Amino acid sequence: MTKKVGFIGTGNMGAAIIRGMAGDDSINLLGSDLNKAALKALAEETGLTQCENARDLAKESDFIVLAVKPQHAPAVLEDIAPELNETKCVISIAAGLTVSQLRELCENRCAVVRVMPNTPALVNAGVFAVCLDDTHLSEEQRSFTSEMFTPLGDVHVLAESLFDSFTAVIGSGPAYVFYFMDAMIESAVELGLPRDLARGMVEKLFEGSTTLAQESKLHVAHLREMVTSPAGTTVKALVHLDRTATRGNIIDAVRKSYERSIELGKK
């Protein structure tokens, strides 16, 4: 049976998910966005049906993907609530909104799913956490929502109690990686390498190292040891990182992100 999946918000993440689902004959895509020009362009690219507003979209959709900024989510859900019923499912990728908050904002009219993506999903290399804790979900809704993000990366069904941990490590994780990449590029420039060349080299360094970690059966600690010769250049750098508590600072930074995620969930 064909499913109608509507997206309220077709910005970067919403559009990425739509592109991942486009071409599936079992799905009819719908979209609503304040940026009508961008929505029209996306419709021409993917074949989605443009809806005039969020309420019209909710009325026509079986699954409603809430892909707006968290601060806008309550107003959107309040607007569409009259169109919700037990046959529909709201899927939220808005950070910080818990299952109980989503159900309350939907006036307990339909089942809800909480999803946390990360930005590499924009290039089909993301990691998604999907929460199916809502007991009102049907088996069909559970199956569909746990599979709909697979074209964009790895999908993990997690209890909501683990979402703050996932957010701190994986949701925020790309920023940590880019932060370190930026520092590596700057160090290369400081040592005389041209900036464009340094950037390309560092990007390839991360790509190659990640591929090696994925394809090797060795733990990443063993892979690190393979590069670390006694009294060599690498061990000098690593000992400096240990002496300046870099590892501990990374662990503490992730903990700070985790604590902030908990705070946001309480608001």
Protein backbone atom coordinates (compact mmCIF):
# COMPACT_ATOMS: atom_id res chain seq x y z
CA MET A 1 0.00 0.00 0.00
CA THR A 2 1.37 3.42 -0.95
CA LYS A 3 2.29 5.62 2.00
CA LYS A 4 2.04 9.39 1.98
CA VAL A 5 5.00 10.99 3.75
CA GLY A 6 4.84 14.74 4.28
CA PHE A 7 7.71 17.00 5.30
CA ILE A 8 7.06 20.19 7.23
CA GLY A 9 10.33 21.97 6.53
CA THR A 10 12.41 21.16 3.46
CA GLY A 11 15.71 22.77 4.44
CA ASN A 12 19.04 20.96 4.41
CA MET A 13 18.09 17.92 6.49
CA GLY A 14 14.50 17.68 5.29
CA ALA A 15 15.61 17.90 1.66
CA ALA A 16 18.33 15.28 2.22
CA ILE A 17 15.78 12.81 3.60
CA ILE A 18 13.40 13.57 0.73
CA ARG A 19 16.14 12.92 -1.83
CA GLY A 20 16.95 9.64 -0.09
CA MET A 21 13.33 8.52 -0.35
CA ALA A 22 12.66 9.83 -3.86
CA GLY A 23 12.21 7.12 -6.46
CA ASP A 24 10.54 4.68 -4.08
CA ASP A 25 7.27 3.83 -5.84
CA SER A 26 5.67 2.78 -2.55
CA ILE A 27 5.93 6.34 -1.18
CA ASN A 28 4.21 9.58 -2.17
CA LEU A 29 6.20 12.56 -0.97
CA LEU A 30 4.64 15.86 0.10
CA GLY A 31 6.33 19.04 1.26
CA SER A 32 5.55 22.35 2.92
CA ASP A 33 8.01 25.18 3.51
CA LEU A 34 7.95 28.95 3.91
CA ASN A 35 10.59 29.18 1.18
CA LYS A 36 8.27 28.53 -1.77
CA ALA A 37 11.00 28.93 -4.40
CA ALA A 38 13.22 26.30 -2.78
CA LEU A 39 10.23 24.01 -2.29
CA LYS A 40 9.31 24.31 -5.96
CA ALA A 41 12.87 23.49 -7.03
CA LEU A 42 12.92 20.44 -4.75
CA ALA A 43 9.54 19.34 -6.12
CA GLU A 44 10.87 19.52 -9.67
CA GLU A 45 13.91 17.49 -8.63
CA THR A 46 12.18 14.79 -6.59
CA GLY A 47 8.57 14.75 -7.73
CA LEU A 48 7.12 15.64 -4.35
CA THR A 49 3.73 17.30 -4.12
CA GLN A 50 3.81 20.89 -2.87
CA CYS A 51 1.36 21.78 -0.11
CA GLU A 52 0.27 25.33 0.57
CA ASN A 53 0.71 25.03 4.33
CA ALA A 54 1.48 22.62 7.15
CA ARG A 55 -2.14 21.91 7.99
CA ASP A 56 -2.98 20.88 4.43
CA LEU A 57 0.07 18.62 4.44
CA ALA A 58 -0.90 16.99 7.74
CA LYS A 59 -4.39 16.32 6.45
CA GLU A 60 -3.06 14.46 3.39
CA SER A 61 -0.14 12.57 4.99
CA ASP A 62 0.13 9.24 6.79
CA PHE A 63 3.55 10.11 8.20
CA ILE A 64 4.39 13.74 9.03
CA VAL A 65 8.09 14.54 9.32
CA LEU A 66 8.67 17.58 11.50
CA ALA A 67 11.89 19.06 10.09
CA VAL A 68 11.77 22.56 11.51
CA LYS A 69 13.95 24.31 14.09
CA PRO A 70 13.11 23.19 17.65
CA GLN A 71 11.85 26.64 18.66
CA HIS A 72 9.30 26.56 15.82
CA ALA A 73 8.06 23.02 16.49
CA PRO A 74 5.45 23.80 19.20
CA ALA A 75 3.65 26.36 17.04
CA VAL A 76 3.66 24.02 14.03
CA LEU A 77 2.28 21.08 16.02
CA GLU A 78 -0.38 23.29 17.59
CA ASP A 79 -1.41 24.36 14.09
CA ILE A 80 -1.67 20.84 12.65
CA ALA A 81 -3.14 19.13 15.74
CA PRO A 82 -6.76 19.30 14.46
CA GLU A 83 -5.71 17.21 11.43
CA LEU A 84 -4.06 14.46 13.49
CA ASN A 85 -5.65 11.14 14.40
CA GLU A 86 -4.73 7.58 15.38
CA THR A 87 -3.96 6.60 11.77
CA LYS A 88 -1.18 9.19 11.48
CA CYS A 89 2.35 9.35 12.86
CA VAL A 90 4.48 12.41 13.58
CA ILE A 91 8.22 11.89 13.12
CA SER A 92 10.27 14.66 14.71
CA ILE A 93 13.90 15.43 13.87
CA ALA A 94 13.70 18.63 15.95
CA ALA A 95 16.43 18.38 18.60
CA GLY A 96 15.47 18.33 22.27
CA LEU A 97 11.78 17.47 21.99
CA THR A 98 11.01 14.34 23.99
CA VAL A 99 8.39 11.74 23.15
CA SER A 100 6.17 12.95 25.99
CA GLN A 101 6.52 16.58 24.84
CA LEU A 102 5.70 15.60 21.27
CA ARG A 103 2.62 13.67 22.35
CA GLU A 104 1.46 16.60 24.46
CA LEU A 105 1.99 19.06 21.59
CA CYS A 106 0.04 16.69 19.32
CA GLU A 107 -2.74 16.64 21.93
CA ASN A 108 -2.28 12.86 22.19
CA ARG A 109 -4.07 12.49 18.87
CA CYS A 110 -1.44 10.31 17.14
CA ALA A 111 1.69 8.23 17.62
CA VAL A 112 5.06 9.99 17.59
CA VAL A 113 8.63 9.01 16.76
CA ARG A 114 11.70 10.92 17.86
CA VAL A 115 14.72 10.90 15.53
CA MET A 116 18.19 12.38 15.95
CA PRO A 117 20.29 12.64 12.76
CA ASN A 118 23.74 14.07 12.25
CA THR A 119 24.91 16.29 9.41
CA PRO A 120 26.84 13.66 7.37
CA ALA A 121 23.35 12.49 6.40
CA LEU A 122 23.54 15.34 3.90
CA VAL A 123 25.99 13.17 1.91
CA ASN A 124 24.30 9.82 2.68
CA ALA A 125 26.83 9.01 5.40
CA GLY A 126 24.84 9.86 8.49
CA VAL A 127 24.11 8.11 11.75
CA PHE A 128 20.51 8.18 12.99
CA ALA A 129 18.99 7.35 16.35
CA VAL A 130 15.31 6.40 16.16
CA CYS A 131 13.16 6.22 19.29
CA LEU A 132 10.15 3.91 19.07
CA ASP A 133 9.20 4.16 22.75
CA ASP A 134 5.69 5.47 22.07
CA THR A 135 3.39 2.57 22.92
CA HIS A 136 0.75 3.92 20.52
CA LEU A 137 2.88 3.03 17.48
CA SER A 138 1.53 0.25 15.30
CA GLU A 139 3.86 -2.46 14.02
CA GLU A 140 3.59 -0.97 10.53
CA GLN A 141 4.58 2.45 11.83
CA ARG A 142 7.51 0.99 13.76
CA SER A 143 8.77 -0.91 10.74
CA PHE A 144 8.44 2.00 8.36
CA THR A 145 10.09 4.62 10.57
CA SER A 146 13.01 2.36 11.45
CA GLU A 147 13.72 1.81 7.73
CA MET A 148 12.96 5.17 6.10
CA PHE A 149 16.32 6.72 6.96
CA THR A 150 18.52 3.84 5.77
CA PRO A 151 19.30 5.46 2.37
CA LEU A 152 21.06 8.24 4.31
CA GLY A 153 23.29 6.16 6.57
CA ASP A 154 23.25 3.89 9.60
CA VAL A 155 20.06 3.70 11.67
CA HIS A 156 20.01 2.66 15.33
CA VAL A 157 16.80 2.09 17.27
CA LEU A 158 17.53 3.45 20.74
CA ALA A 159 15.55 3.90 23.93
CA GLU A 160 14.91 7.56 24.64
CA SER A 161 17.01 7.26 27.80
CA LEU A 162 20.08 6.96 25.52
CA PHE A 163 19.27 9.95 23.30
CA ASP A 164 21.25 12.48 25.36
CA SER A 165 24.30 10.22 25.10
CA PHE A 166 23.78 9.80 21.35
CA THR A 167 23.37 13.56 20.94
CA ALA A 168 26.59 14.31 22.82
CA VAL A 169 28.72 11.77 20.92
CA ILE A 170 27.13 11.44 17.48
CA GLY A 171 24.77 14.38 16.99
CA SER A 172 27.41 16.91 18.04
CA GLY A 173 30.26 14.68 16.88
CA PRO A 174 30.79 16.14 13.40
CA ALA A 175 31.64 19.49 15.00
CA TYR A 176 34.38 17.83 17.07
CA VAL A 177 35.81 16.18 13.98
CA PHE A 178 35.74 19.42 11.96
CA TYR A 179 37.31 21.27 14.90
CA PHE A 180 40.23 18.84 14.92
CA MET A 181 40.48 18.92 11.12
CA ASP A 182 40.64 22.71 11.20
CA ALA A 183 43.43 22.60 13.78
CA MET A 184 45.36 20.10 11.64
CA ILE A 185 44.99 22.34 8.58
CA GLU A 186 46.22 25.37 10.53
CA SER A 187 49.21 23.42 11.84
CA ALA A 188 50.09 22.41 8.27
CA VAL A 189 49.89 26.04 7.13
CA GLU A 190 52.03 27.13 10.08
CA LEU A 191 54.63 24.59 8.97
CA GLY A 192 54.70 25.99 5.44
CA LEU A 193 52.22 23.95 3.42
CA PRO A 194 49.90 25.97 1.12
CA ARG A 195 46.39 26.20 2.60
CA ASP A 196 44.54 24.55 -0.31
CA LEU A 197 47.04 21.71 -0.37
CA ALA A 198 46.88 21.34 3.40
CA ARG A 199 43.09 21.12 3.36
CA GLY A 200 43.06 18.43 0.68
CA MET A 201 45.71 16.42 2.49
CA VAL A 202 43.93 16.61 5.85
CA GLU A 203 40.57 15.67 4.31
CA LYS A 204 42.17 12.64 2.69
CA LEU A 205 43.90 11.79 5.98
CA PHE A 206 40.56 11.61 7.77
CA GLU A 207 38.89 9.72 4.93
CA GLY A 208 41.67 7.15 4.76
CA SER A 209 41.94 6.72 8.52
CA THR A 210 38.19 6.22 8.84
CA THR A 211 38.15 3.67 6.02
CA LEU A 212 41.01 1.79 7.66
CA ALA A 213 39.20 1.76 11.01
CA GLN A 214 36.03 0.45 9.36
CA GLU A 215 37.72 -2.26 7.34
CA SER A 216 40.27 -3.43 9.88
CA LYS A 217 39.48 -6.01 12.55
CA LEU A 218 41.87 -4.25 14.90
CA HIS A 219 40.74 -1.87 17.64
CA VAL A 220 41.50 1.78 16.93
CA ALA A 221 44.03 1.74 19.77
CA HIS A 222 45.98 -0.97 17.92
CA LEU A 223 45.79 1.01 14.69
CA ARG A 224 47.23 3.99 16.55
CA GLU A 225 50.08 1.81 17.84
CA MET A 226 50.91 0.79 14.26
CA VAL A 227 51.87 4.41 13.54
CA THR A 228 53.73 4.93 16.81
CA SER A 229 57.36 3.84 16.55
CA PRO A 230 59.63 3.98 19.62
CA ALA A 231 61.31 7.38 19.99
CA GLY A 232 59.75 8.49 16.72
CA THR A 233 57.90 11.60 15.60
CA THR A 234 54.41 10.27 16.32
CA VAL A 235 55.05 9.23 19.92
CA LYS A 236 56.46 12.70 20.62
CA ALA A 237 53.19 14.24 19.51
CA LEU A 238 51.01 11.72 21.34
CA VAL A 239 52.94 12.07 24.60
CA HIS A 240 52.45 15.84 24.38
CA LEU A 241 48.69 15.32 23.89
CA ASP A 242 48.60 13.05 26.95
CA ARG A 243 50.66 15.45 29.07
CA THR A 244 48.26 18.28 28.22
CA ALA A 245 45.25 16.07 29.09
CA THR A 246 43.81 16.21 25.57
CA ARG A 247 42.09 12.83 25.95
CA GLY A 248 40.55 13.89 29.26
CA ASN A 249 39.46 17.21 27.79
CA ILE A 250 37.71 15.42 24.91
CA ILE A 251 35.88 13.18 27.38
CA ASP A 252 34.95 16.22 29.49
CA ALA A 253 33.75 18.13 26.40
CA VAL A 254 31.43 15.31 25.39
CA ARG A 255 30.14 15.22 28.98
CA LYS A 256 29.38 18.97 28.75
CA SER A 257 27.39 18.35 25.58
CA TYR A 258 25.53 15.52 27.30
CA GLU A 259 24.64 17.70 30.28
CA ARG A 260 23.42 20.49 27.99
CA SER A 261 21.26 18.02 26.05
CA ILE A 262 19.60 17.02 29.34
CA GLU A 263 19.02 20.69 30.21
CA LEU A 264 17.39 21.40 26.86
CA GLY A 265 15.09 18.42 27.24
CA LYS A 266 13.75 19.86 30.49
CA LYS A 267 12.70 23.18 28.92
